[in-house]
Amino acid sequence: MYSLRSQVERVALVPLTVTTIPAVDQPLLAAKWYAISVYPRHEKQVAQLLDARRVAYFLPLYSSLRQWKDRRKEIEIALFPGYVFVNVVLQDRLSVLTVPGVARFVTFQGRPAVVPDQEITAISVGSVSGVDVQPHPYLQKGRRVRVIAGPLIDTEGILVRRNSRSRLVLSIESLMRSISLEVDECDVTPC
């Protein structure tokens, strides 16, 4: 097993070996990314338990400055509250569902919804590259753009402005959630 270390969270990637079997069963044996719903504020605990079970997962975090009466503190918060991404073979979903704190797989029409690899890659590259990543309300309308330069090259999203800065909003459609990243306006082109 090999893993990538980032400043936000550990992303474990497990190589998969598939034996030759009839084509009917092939889609079920390919490891894909899925989103799992977890109990409120259990994202980090579930990630640790998944790691202990050697299940490949991705938990993107961002830093937030919080104010209490007596102090200020910067804490790491899940970028998608209530969700953790797992890379598993669909047949092995029971090993994920039995982890304490996991509620269910995110489904679409009764089947676990696959999160495309390029969306996971875009989130991890955005988190690791030092770009200011923040949660953002999910947007369905807006101008779609493609990044043509920089660490997020070929990533598509919606361009918005905030305080005279350009931000790219990446939407994870299976979760109906979005995040926003700072980008230079000259690094994007309309789709």
C-alpha atoms as a PDB file:
ATOM      1  CA  MET A   1       0.000   0.000   0.000  1.00  0.00           C
ATOM      2  CA  TYR A   2       1.246   3.491  -0.733  1.00  0.00           C
ATOM      3  CA  SER A   3      -0.077   6.791   0.514  1.00  0.00           C
ATOM      4  CA  LEU A   4       0.150  10.497  -0.175  1.00  0.00           C
ATOM      5  CA  ARG A   5       0.674  12.883   2.701  1.00  0.00           C
ATOM      6  CA  SER A   6      -0.842  16.327   2.479  1.00  0.00           C
ATOM      7  CA  GLN A   7      -1.173  19.174   4.881  1.00  0.00           C
ATOM      8  CA  VAL A   8      -4.904  18.574   5.194  1.00  0.00           C
ATOM      9  CA  GLU A   9      -5.338  14.847   5.676  1.00  0.00           C
ATOM     10  CA  ARG A  10      -3.936  11.477   4.737  1.00  0.00           C
ATOM     11  CA  VAL A  11      -5.236  10.060   1.489  1.00  0.00           C
ATOM     12  CA  ALA A  12      -4.676   6.348   1.298  1.00  0.00           C
ATOM     13  CA  LEU A  13      -4.590   4.815  -2.162  1.00  0.00           C
ATOM     14  CA  VAL A  14      -4.696   1.034  -2.461  1.00  0.00           C
ATOM     15  CA  PRO A  15      -3.605  -0.658  -5.691  1.00  0.00           C
ATOM     16  CA  LEU A  16      -6.235  -3.085  -6.951  1.00  0.00           C
ATOM     17  CA  THR A  17      -5.611  -6.370  -8.700  1.00  0.00           C
ATOM     18  CA  VAL A  18      -8.531  -7.872 -10.596  1.00  0.00           C
ATOM     19  CA  THR A  19      -8.571 -11.403 -11.937  1.00  0.00           C
ATOM     20  CA  THR A  20     -10.155 -12.274 -15.247  1.00  0.00           C
ATOM     21  CA  ILE A  21     -13.851 -13.037 -14.824  1.00  0.00           C
ATOM     22  CA  PRO A  22     -16.926 -12.746 -17.044  1.00  0.00           C
ATOM     23  CA  ALA A  23     -17.682  -9.213 -18.296  1.00  0.00           C
ATOM     24  CA  VAL A  24     -21.037  -9.117 -16.445  1.00  0.00           C
ATOM     25  CA  ASP A  25     -19.307  -8.911 -13.039  1.00  0.00           C
ATOM     26  CA  GLN A  26     -16.486  -6.537 -14.093  1.00  0.00           C
ATOM     27  CA  PRO A  27     -18.160  -3.243 -12.990  1.00  0.00           C
ATOM     28  CA  LEU A  28     -18.698  -4.600  -9.476  1.00  0.00           C
ATOM     29  CA  LEU A  29     -15.015  -5.460  -8.963  1.00  0.00           C
ATOM     30  CA  ALA A  30     -13.516  -2.082  -9.854  1.00  0.00           C
ATOM     31  CA  ALA A  31     -12.708   0.113  -6.858  1.00  0.00           C
ATOM     32  CA  LYS A  32     -14.452   3.464  -7.201  1.00  0.00           C
ATOM     33  CA  TRP A  33     -14.886   6.527  -5.035  1.00  0.00           C
ATOM     34  CA  TYR A  34     -18.122   6.756  -3.061  1.00  0.00           C
ATOM     35  CA  ALA A  35     -19.353   9.279  -0.520  1.00  0.00           C
ATOM     36  CA  ILE A  36     -20.509   7.973   2.833  1.00  0.00           C
ATOM     37  CA  SER A  37     -22.715   9.889   5.200  1.00  0.00           C
ATOM     38  CA  VAL A  38     -21.452   9.952   8.792  1.00  0.00           C
ATOM     39  CA  TYR A  39     -22.951  11.141  12.062  1.00  0.00           C
ATOM     40  CA  PRO A  40     -22.511  14.871  12.809  1.00  0.00           C
ATOM     41  CA  ARG A  41     -18.915  15.790  13.778  1.00  0.00           C
ATOM     42  CA  HIS A  42     -17.710  12.169  13.392  1.00  0.00           C
ATOM     43  CA  GLU A  43     -15.714  12.672  10.170  1.00  0.00           C
ATOM     44  CA  LYS A  44     -12.236  12.447  11.746  1.00  0.00           C
ATOM     45  CA  GLN A  45     -13.174   9.517  13.969  1.00  0.00           C
ATOM     46  CA  VAL A  46     -14.615   7.580  11.019  1.00  0.00           C
ATOM     47  CA  ALA A  47     -11.467   8.357   8.984  1.00  0.00           C
ATOM     48  CA  GLN A  48      -9.269   6.910  11.745  1.00  0.00           C
ATOM     49  CA  LEU A  49     -11.411   3.764  11.954  1.00  0.00           C
ATOM     50  CA  LEU A  50     -11.349   3.351   8.165  1.00  0.00           C
ATOM     51  CA  ASP A  51      -7.569   3.684   8.250  1.00  0.00           C
ATOM     52  CA  ALA A  52      -7.384   0.998  10.955  1.00  0.00           C
ATOM     53  CA  ARG A  53      -9.421  -1.322   8.692  1.00  0.00           C
ATOM     54  CA  ARG A  54      -7.139  -0.467   5.735  1.00  0.00           C
ATOM     55  CA  VAL A  55      -9.979   1.066   3.725  1.00  0.00           C
ATOM     56  CA  ALA A  56      -8.848   3.780   1.300  1.00  0.00           C
ATOM     57  CA  TYR A  57     -10.495   7.078   2.263  1.00  0.00           C
ATOM     58  CA  PHE A  58     -10.274  10.807   1.621  1.00  0.00           C
ATOM     59  CA  LEU A  59     -11.270  13.423   4.195  1.00  0.00           C
ATOM     60  CA  PRO A  60     -10.538  16.951   2.955  1.00  0.00           C
ATOM     61  CA  LEU A  61     -10.122  19.486   5.769  1.00  0.00           C
ATOM     62  CA  TYR A  62      -9.717  23.249   5.911  1.00  0.00           C
ATOM     63  CA  SER A  63      -8.505  25.602   8.643  1.00  0.00           C
ATOM     64  CA  SER A  64     -10.953  27.942  10.338  1.00  0.00           C
ATOM     65  CA  LEU A  65     -10.288  30.542  13.001  1.00  0.00           C
ATOM     66  CA  ARG A  66     -12.831  30.190  15.825  1.00  0.00           C
ATOM     67  CA  GLN A  67     -13.540  32.736  18.547  1.00  0.00           C
ATOM     68  CA  TRP A  68     -14.519  31.820  22.091  1.00  0.00           C
ATOM     69  CA  LYS A  69     -14.972  34.191  25.032  1.00  0.00           C
ATOM     70  CA  ASP A  70     -11.459  33.673  26.326  1.00  0.00           C
ATOM     71  CA  ARG A  71      -9.431  32.727  23.227  1.00  0.00           C
ATOM     72  CA  ARG A  72      -9.130  32.315  19.483  1.00  0.00           C
ATOM     73  CA  LYS A  73      -8.079  29.044  17.945  1.00  0.00           C
ATOM     74  CA  GLU A  74      -7.477  27.742  14.441  1.00  0.00           C
ATOM     75  CA  ILE A  75      -9.115  24.350  13.994  1.00  0.00           C
ATOM     76  CA  GLU A  76      -9.324  21.819  11.177  1.00  0.00           C
ATOM     77  CA  ILE A  77     -12.890  21.256   9.956  1.00  0.00           C
ATOM     78  CA  ALA A  78     -14.243  18.825   7.357  1.00  0.00           C
ATOM     79  CA  LEU A  79     -14.664  20.532   3.998  1.00  0.00           C
ATOM     80  CA  PHE A  80     -17.841  18.508   3.457  1.00  0.00           C
ATOM     81  CA  PRO A  81     -19.457  18.220   6.917  1.00  0.00           C
ATOM     82  CA  GLY A  82     -21.106  14.846   7.409  1.00  0.00           C
ATOM     83  CA  TYR A  83     -19.279  13.099   4.548  1.00  0.00           C
ATOM     84  CA  VAL A  84     -16.134  11.031   4.002  1.00  0.00           C
ATOM     85  CA  PHE A  85     -15.049   9.613   0.637  1.00  0.00           C
ATOM     86  CA  VAL A  86     -14.053   5.944   0.364  1.00  0.00           C
ATOM     87  CA  ASN A  87     -12.433   4.039  -2.497  1.00  0.00           C
ATOM     88  CA  VAL A  88     -13.840   0.514  -2.355  1.00  0.00           C
ATOM     89  CA  VAL A  89     -15.159  -2.284  -4.494  1.00  0.00           C
ATOM     90  CA  LEU A  90     -18.941  -2.114  -4.310  1.00  0.00           C
ATOM     91  CA  GLN A  91     -19.121  -5.684  -3.042  1.00  0.00           C
ATOM     92  CA  ASP A  92     -17.041  -4.688   0.021  1.00  0.00           C
ATOM     93  CA  ARG A  93     -19.372  -1.909   1.168  1.00  0.00           C
ATOM     94  CA  LEU A  94     -20.351  -3.878   4.275  1.00  0.00           C
ATOM     95  CA  SER A  95     -16.833  -3.375   5.658  1.00  0.00           C
ATOM     96  CA  VAL A  96     -17.487   0.381   5.462  1.00  0.00           C
ATOM     97  CA  LEU A  97     -21.062   0.315   6.768  1.00  0.00           C
ATOM     98  CA  THR A  98     -20.021  -1.562   9.920  1.00  0.00           C
ATOM     99  CA  VAL A  99     -17.607   1.209  10.972  1.00  0.00           C
ATOM    100  CA  PRO A 100     -19.025   3.031  14.027  1.00  0.00           C
ATOM    101  CA  GLY A 101     -20.215   6.494  13.017  1.00  0.00           C
ATOM    102  CA  VAL A 102     -21.083   5.605   9.404  1.00  0.00           C
ATOM    103  CA  ALA A 103     -24.757   6.162   8.620  1.00  0.00           C
ATOM    104  CA  ARG A 104     -25.030   5.098   4.964  1.00  0.00           C
ATOM    105  CA  PHE A 105     -23.664   5.373   1.450  1.00  0.00           C
ATOM    106  CA  VAL A 106     -24.913   8.363  -0.530  1.00  0.00           C
ATOM    107  CA  THR A 107     -27.236   6.835  -3.115  1.00  0.00           C
ATOM    108  CA  PHE A 108     -28.838   7.842  -6.375  1.00  0.00           C
ATOM    109  CA  GLN A 109     -31.887   5.846  -7.509  1.00  0.00           C
ATOM    110  CA  GLY A 110     -31.213   3.230  -4.849  1.00  0.00           C
ATOM    111  CA  ARG A 111     -27.571   2.548  -5.789  1.00  0.00           C
ATOM    112  CA  PRO A 112     -24.434   4.011  -4.179  1.00  0.00           C
ATOM    113  CA  ALA A 113     -23.495   7.124  -6.181  1.00  0.00           C
ATOM    114  CA  VAL A 114     -20.014   7.042  -7.717  1.00  0.00           C
ATOM    115  CA  VAL A 115     -17.941  10.209  -7.252  1.00  0.00           C
ATOM    116  CA  PRO A 116     -15.837  10.721 -10.415  1.00  0.00           C
ATOM    117  CA  ASP A 117     -12.063  10.363  -9.978  1.00  0.00           C
ATOM    118  CA  GLN A 118     -11.440  13.820 -11.482  1.00  0.00           C
ATOM    119  CA  GLU A 119     -13.543  15.478  -8.752  1.00  0.00           C
ATOM    120  CA  ILE A 120     -11.566  13.708  -6.005  1.00  0.00           C
ATOM    121  CA  THR A 121      -8.319  14.655  -7.761  1.00  0.00           C
ATOM    122  CA  ALA A 122      -9.374  18.301  -8.103  1.00  0.00           C
ATOM    123  CA  ILE A 123     -10.241  18.535  -4.400  1.00  0.00           C
ATOM    124  CA  SER A 124      -7.000  16.881  -3.290  1.00  0.00           C
ATOM    125  CA  VAL A 125      -4.837  18.994  -5.645  1.00  0.00           C
ATOM    126  CA  GLY A 126      -6.605  22.144  -4.483  1.00  0.00           C
ATOM    127  CA  SER A 127      -6.060  21.222  -0.841  1.00  0.00           C
ATOM    128  CA  VAL A 128      -2.404  20.225  -1.219  1.00  0.00           C
ATOM    129  CA  SER A 129      -1.323  23.080  -3.500  1.00  0.00           C
ATOM    130  CA  GLY A 130      -1.653  25.699  -0.777  1.00  0.00           C
ATOM    131  CA  VAL A 131      -4.682  27.356  -2.386  1.00  0.00           C
ATOM    132  CA  ASP A 132      -7.150  28.884   0.090  1.00  0.00           C
ATOM    133  CA  VAL A 133      -9.953  26.282   0.144  1.00  0.00           C
ATOM    134  CA  GLN A 134     -13.310  27.004   1.802  1.00  0.00           C
ATOM    135  CA  PRO A 135     -16.787  25.465   1.703  1.00  0.00           C
ATOM    136  CA  HIS A 136     -19.200  27.227  -0.610  1.00  0.00           C
ATOM    137  CA  PRO A 137     -22.960  26.952  -1.150  1.00  0.00           C
ATOM    138  CA  TYR A 138     -23.862  24.533  -3.926  1.00  0.00           C
ATOM    139  CA  LEU A 139     -24.491  26.367  -7.195  1.00  0.00           C
ATOM    140  CA  GLN A 140     -26.482  24.983 -10.076  1.00  0.00           C
ATOM    141  CA  LYS A 141     -26.396  28.066 -12.256  1.00  0.00           C
ATOM    142  CA  GLY A 142     -23.434  30.209 -13.224  1.00  0.00           C
ATOM    143  CA  ARG A 143     -20.673  30.386 -15.751  1.00  0.00           C
ATOM    144  CA  ARG A 144     -18.724  27.175 -16.160  1.00  0.00           C
ATOM    145  CA  VAL A 145     -15.017  27.672 -16.718  1.00  0.00           C
ATOM    146  CA  ARG A 146     -11.961  25.472 -17.215  1.00  0.00           C
ATOM    147  CA  VAL A 147      -8.597  26.176 -15.583  1.00  0.00           C
ATOM    148  CA  ILE A 148      -5.880  26.461 -18.257  1.00  0.00           C
ATOM    149  CA  ALA A 149      -2.812  27.076 -16.062  1.00  0.00           C
ATOM    150  CA  GLY A 150      -1.536  26.331 -12.577  1.00  0.00           C
ATOM    151  CA  PRO A 151      -1.950  23.338 -10.261  1.00  0.00           C
ATOM    152  CA  LEU A 152      -5.674  22.926 -11.051  1.00  0.00           C
ATOM    153  CA  ILE A 153      -5.211  22.682 -14.844  1.00  0.00           C
ATOM    154  CA  ASP A 154      -8.169  21.064 -16.694  1.00  0.00           C
ATOM    155  CA  THR A 155     -10.441  21.418 -13.650  1.00  0.00           C
ATOM    156  CA  GLU A 156     -13.914  22.683 -14.451  1.00  0.00           C
ATOM    157  CA  GLY A 157     -16.086  24.746 -12.155  1.00  0.00           C
ATOM    158  CA  ILE A 158     -18.139  27.913 -11.809  1.00  0.00           C
ATOM    159  CA  LEU A 159     -16.395  31.284 -11.633  1.00  0.00           C
ATOM    160  CA  VAL A 160     -17.646  33.755  -9.020  1.00  0.00           C
ATOM    161  CA  ARG A 161     -16.280  36.995  -7.585  1.00  0.00           C
ATOM    162  CA  ARG A 162     -15.821  37.745  -3.920  1.00  0.00           C
ATOM    163  CA  ASN A 163     -14.241  41.000  -2.676  1.00  0.00           C
ATOM    164  CA  SER A 164     -12.622  41.695  -6.081  1.00  0.00           C
ATOM    165  CA  ARG A 165     -10.985  38.245  -6.054  1.00  0.00           C
ATOM    166  CA  SER A 166     -11.850  35.514  -8.494  1.00  0.00           C
ATOM    167  CA  ARG A 167     -12.892  32.214  -7.007  1.00  0.00           C
ATOM    168  CA  LEU A 168     -13.547  28.899  -8.726  1.00  0.00           C
ATOM    169  CA  VAL A 169     -16.413  26.889  -7.292  1.00  0.00           C
ATOM    170  CA  LEU A 170     -16.048  23.110  -7.660  1.00  0.00           C
ATOM    171  CA  SER A 171     -19.307  21.235  -7.234  1.00  0.00           C
ATOM    172  CA  ILE A 172     -19.578  17.616  -6.128  1.00  0.00           C
ATOM    173  CA  GLU A 173     -22.879  16.819  -7.778  1.00  0.00           C
ATOM    174  CA  SER A 174     -23.532  13.520  -6.004  1.00  0.00           C
ATOM    175  CA  LEU A 175     -23.413  15.322  -2.608  1.00  0.00           C
ATOM    176  CA  MET A 176     -24.967  18.578  -3.823  1.00  0.00           C
ATOM    177  CA  ARG A 177     -22.110  20.421  -2.087  1.00  0.00           C
ATOM    178  CA  SER A 178     -19.469  22.841  -3.353  1.00  0.00           C
ATOM    179  CA  ILE A 179     -16.131  24.332  -2.341  1.00  0.00           C
ATOM    180  CA  SER A 180     -14.485  27.534  -3.520  1.00  0.00           C
ATOM    181  CA  LEU A 181     -10.832  28.102  -4.426  1.00  0.00           C
ATOM    182  CA  GLU A 182      -8.928  31.285  -5.299  1.00  0.00           C
ATOM    183  CA  VAL A 183      -7.782  31.467  -8.913  1.00  0.00           C
ATOM    184  CA  ASP A 184      -6.355  34.142 -11.169  1.00  0.00           C
ATOM    185  CA  GLU A 185      -8.887  35.224 -13.744  1.00  0.00           C
ATOM    186  CA  CYS A 186      -6.288  34.927 -16.497  1.00  0.00           C
ATOM    187  CA  ASP A 187      -5.885  31.205 -15.658  1.00  0.00           C
ATOM    188  CA  VAL A 188      -9.447  30.283 -16.655  1.00  0.00           C
ATOM    189  CA  THR A 189     -11.355  30.143 -19.913  1.00  0.00           C
ATOM    190  CA  PRO A 190     -15.105  29.647 -20.547  1.00  0.00           C
ATOM    191  CA  CYS A 191     -16.192  26.073 -21.326  1.00  0.00           C
END
